[in-house]
Amino acid sequence: MISASLVKASLAGNLIMVEVQFKNTGDEIARNLTINRVTTMVLEGEGGLLLKDPTLPFQVGNIDKGKTANVTFVFQSARANAVWKFVMDEIGTVQDAVGWPYPVSAEQDVTAKP
């Protein structure tokens, strides 16, 4: 099983950097964790966000039992400081030790400050 949590978020002009930590909370290795889709919903600010990095689908890779992997997502808004609070969802897949695929979905409330 994979859980995800917000590590940090920062705002620099019209770019928002969001670091998310994915943790294997299961009893065996999590193989081929892949993020296929990232969605956002703006809570405070104007306009929308465009994911600039990483390119999807993004292969996080294998995560051993009890271990973590961090991914930094970079979003762009239409203008500087236009968006500072939003909800972010990551949707993907992971395989168990024998290769069975499972869906992965996680959500974070993000507040980015300059």
C-alpha atoms as a PDB file:
ATOM      1  CA  MET A   1       0.000   0.000   0.000  1.00  0.00           C
ATOM      2  CA  ILE A   2       1.237   3.475  -0.863  1.00  0.00           C
ATOM      3  CA  SER A   3       0.537   6.630   1.132  1.00  0.00           C
ATOM      4  CA  ALA A   4       1.516  10.149   0.144  1.00  0.00           C
ATOM      5  CA  SER A   5       2.082  13.308   2.158  1.00  0.00           C
ATOM      6  CA  LEU A   6       3.104  16.874   1.499  1.00  0.00           C
ATOM      7  CA  VAL A   7       6.734  17.588   2.433  1.00  0.00           C
ATOM      8  CA  LYS A   8       6.894  21.244   1.408  1.00  0.00           C
ATOM      9  CA  ALA A   9       5.577  23.768  -1.083  1.00  0.00           C
ATOM     10  CA  SER A  10       7.097  27.026  -2.262  1.00  0.00           C
ATOM     11  CA  LEU A  11       6.085  29.821  -4.602  1.00  0.00           C
ATOM     12  CA  ALA A  12       8.531  31.665  -6.871  1.00  0.00           C
ATOM     13  CA  GLY A  13       6.857  34.067  -9.270  1.00  0.00           C
ATOM     14  CA  ASN A  14       4.420  32.055 -11.351  1.00  0.00           C
ATOM     15  CA  LEU A  15       5.961  28.670 -10.405  1.00  0.00           C
ATOM     16  CA  ILE A  16       4.860  26.505  -7.503  1.00  0.00           C
ATOM     17  CA  MET A  17       7.132  23.670  -6.385  1.00  0.00           C
ATOM     18  CA  VAL A  18       5.446  20.888  -4.409  1.00  0.00           C
ATOM     19  CA  GLU A  19       7.430  18.046  -2.852  1.00  0.00           C
ATOM     20  CA  VAL A  20       5.395  14.915  -2.109  1.00  0.00           C
ATOM     21  CA  GLN A  21       6.666  11.889  -0.206  1.00  0.00           C
ATOM     22  CA  PHE A  22       5.345   8.478  -1.251  1.00  0.00           C
ATOM     23  CA  LYS A  23       5.683   5.791   1.439  1.00  0.00           C
ATOM     24  CA  ASN A  24       5.320   2.037   1.153  1.00  0.00           C
ATOM     25  CA  THR A  25       3.130   1.132   4.133  1.00  0.00           C
ATOM     26  CA  GLY A  26       2.596  -2.447   2.929  1.00  0.00           C
ATOM     27  CA  ASP A  27       4.220  -5.740   3.890  1.00  0.00           C
ATOM     28  CA  GLU A  28       6.348  -6.168   0.746  1.00  0.00           C
ATOM     29  CA  ILE A  29       8.132  -4.207  -1.952  1.00  0.00           C
ATOM     30  CA  ALA A  30       6.005  -1.831  -4.038  1.00  0.00           C
ATOM     31  CA  ARG A  31       7.150  -2.181  -7.645  1.00  0.00           C
ATOM     32  CA  ASN A  32       6.938   0.241 -10.539  1.00  0.00           C
ATOM     33  CA  LEU A  33       5.054   3.060  -8.831  1.00  0.00           C
ATOM     34  CA  THR A  34       3.874   5.237 -11.716  1.00  0.00           C
ATOM     35  CA  ILE A  35       2.032   8.564 -11.536  1.00  0.00           C
ATOM     36  CA  ASN A  36      -0.282   8.745 -14.552  1.00  0.00           C
ATOM     37  CA  ARG A  37      -2.334  11.826 -13.779  1.00  0.00           C
ATOM     38  CA  VAL A  38      -2.148  14.898 -11.525  1.00  0.00           C
ATOM     39  CA  THR A  39      -5.152  17.138 -10.988  1.00  0.00           C
ATOM     40  CA  THR A  40      -5.530  20.388  -9.089  1.00  0.00           C
ATOM     41  CA  MET A  41      -8.418  22.441  -7.746  1.00  0.00           C
ATOM     42  CA  VAL A  42      -7.631  26.060  -6.840  1.00  0.00           C
ATOM     43  CA  LEU A  43      -8.959  27.091  -3.420  1.00  0.00           C
ATOM     44  CA  GLU A  44      -7.390  30.554  -3.139  1.00  0.00           C
ATOM     45  CA  GLY A  45      -6.175  32.670  -6.026  1.00  0.00           C
ATOM     46  CA  GLU A  46      -7.167  33.176  -9.644  1.00  0.00           C
ATOM     47  CA  GLY A  47      -6.883  30.943 -12.675  1.00  0.00           C
ATOM     48  CA  GLY A  48      -5.603  27.424 -13.016  1.00  0.00           C
ATOM     49  CA  LEU A  49      -2.347  25.518 -12.778  1.00  0.00           C
ATOM     50  CA  LEU A  50      -0.369  23.718 -15.469  1.00  0.00           C
ATOM     51  CA  LEU A  51       1.931  20.826 -14.496  1.00  0.00           C
ATOM     52  CA  LYS A  52       5.361  21.651 -15.957  1.00  0.00           C
ATOM     53  CA  ASP A  53       7.419  18.868 -14.386  1.00  0.00           C
ATOM     54  CA  PRO A  54       7.589  15.900 -14.256  1.00  0.00           C
ATOM     55  CA  THR A  55       6.233  14.756 -17.590  1.00  0.00           C
ATOM     56  CA  LEU A  56       3.471  12.186 -17.141  1.00  0.00           C
ATOM     57  CA  PRO A  57       3.379   9.289 -16.897  1.00  0.00           C
ATOM     58  CA  PHE A  58       6.196   9.550 -14.352  1.00  0.00           C
ATOM     59  CA  GLN A  59       7.971   6.399 -13.156  1.00  0.00           C
ATOM     60  CA  VAL A  60       8.764   6.772  -9.447  1.00  0.00           C
ATOM     61  CA  GLY A  61      10.104   3.212  -9.383  1.00  0.00           C
ATOM     62  CA  ASN A  62      10.330   0.587  -6.653  1.00  0.00           C
ATOM     63  CA  ILE A  63       9.878   1.414  -2.960  1.00  0.00           C
ATOM     64  CA  ASP A  64      10.985  -1.131  -0.363  1.00  0.00           C
ATOM     65  CA  LYS A  65       8.756  -1.966   2.619  1.00  0.00           C
ATOM     66  CA  GLY A  66       8.737   0.983   5.046  1.00  0.00           C
ATOM     67  CA  LYS A  67      10.782   3.213   2.719  1.00  0.00           C
ATOM     68  CA  THR A  68       9.923   6.442   0.924  1.00  0.00           C
ATOM     69  CA  ALA A  69      10.493   8.216  -2.376  1.00  0.00           C
ATOM     70  CA  ASN A  70      10.102  11.978  -2.841  1.00  0.00           C
ATOM     71  CA  VAL A  71       8.868  13.624  -6.032  1.00  0.00           C
ATOM     72  CA  THR A  72       8.877  17.356  -6.759  1.00  0.00           C
ATOM     73  CA  PHE A  73       6.018  18.607  -8.904  1.00  0.00           C
ATOM     74  CA  VAL A  74       6.359  22.005 -10.596  1.00  0.00           C
ATOM     75  CA  PHE A  75       3.205  23.906 -11.540  1.00  0.00           C
ATOM     76  CA  GLN A  76       2.892  27.131 -13.501  1.00  0.00           C
ATOM     77  CA  SER A  77       0.175  29.743 -13.069  1.00  0.00           C
ATOM     78  CA  ALA A  78      -0.769  32.418 -15.598  1.00  0.00           C
ATOM     79  CA  ARG A  79       0.947  35.164 -13.621  1.00  0.00           C
ATOM     80  CA  ALA A  80       3.078  35.653 -10.518  1.00  0.00           C
ATOM     81  CA  ASN A  81       1.405  34.892  -7.178  1.00  0.00           C
ATOM     82  CA  ALA A  82      -1.954  34.180  -8.885  1.00  0.00           C
ATOM     83  CA  VAL A  83      -2.517  30.871  -7.040  1.00  0.00           C
ATOM     84  CA  TRP A  84      -1.286  30.008  -3.558  1.00  0.00           C
ATOM     85  CA  LYS A  85      -3.712  27.439  -2.144  1.00  0.00           C
ATOM     86  CA  PHE A  86      -5.027  24.350  -3.930  1.00  0.00           C
ATOM     87  CA  VAL A  87      -5.834  20.666  -3.645  1.00  0.00           C
ATOM     88  CA  MET A  88      -3.581  18.291  -5.567  1.00  0.00           C
ATOM     89  CA  ASP A  89      -4.420  14.683  -6.509  1.00  0.00           C
ATOM     90  CA  GLU A  90      -1.999  12.075  -7.835  1.00  0.00           C
ATOM     91  CA  ILE A  91      -3.417   9.037  -9.592  1.00  0.00           C
ATOM     92  CA  GLY A  92      -1.366   6.066 -10.712  1.00  0.00           C
ATOM     93  CA  THR A  93      -0.552   2.405 -10.361  1.00  0.00           C
ATOM     94  CA  VAL A  94       1.799   0.160  -8.431  1.00  0.00           C
ATOM     95  CA  GLN A  95       2.552  -3.552  -8.555  1.00  0.00           C
ATOM     96  CA  ASP A  96       3.005  -5.970  -5.680  1.00  0.00           C
ATOM     97  CA  ALA A  97       5.990  -8.324  -5.368  1.00  0.00           C
ATOM     98  CA  VAL A  98       4.539 -10.795  -7.893  1.00  0.00           C
ATOM     99  CA  GLY A  99       3.468  -8.146 -10.398  1.00  0.00           C
ATOM    100  CA  TRP A 100      -0.239  -7.704  -9.651  1.00  0.00           C
ATOM    101  CA  PRO A 101      -1.257  -4.103 -10.433  1.00  0.00           C
ATOM    102  CA  TYR A 102      -3.115  -1.888  -7.958  1.00  0.00           C
ATOM    103  CA  PRO A 103      -4.461   1.651  -8.280  1.00  0.00           C
ATOM    104  CA  VAL A 104      -2.853   4.449  -6.279  1.00  0.00           C
ATOM    105  CA  SER A 105      -4.594   7.693  -5.415  1.00  0.00           C
ATOM    106  CA  ALA A 106      -3.501  10.412  -3.001  1.00  0.00           C
ATOM    107  CA  GLU A 107      -4.516  13.964  -2.193  1.00  0.00           C
ATOM    108  CA  GLN A 108      -2.793  16.883  -0.509  1.00  0.00           C
ATOM    109  CA  ASP A 109      -3.951  20.340   0.545  1.00  0.00           C
ATOM    110  CA  VAL A 110      -1.207  22.685  -0.651  1.00  0.00           C
ATOM    111  CA  THR A 111      -0.454  26.199   0.562  1.00  0.00           C
ATOM    112  CA  ALA A 112       2.518  27.701  -1.258  1.00  0.00           C
ATOM    113  CA  LYS A 113       4.265  30.726   0.155  1.00  0.00           C
ATOM    114  CA  PRO A 114       6.974  32.828  -1.489  1.00  0.00           C
END
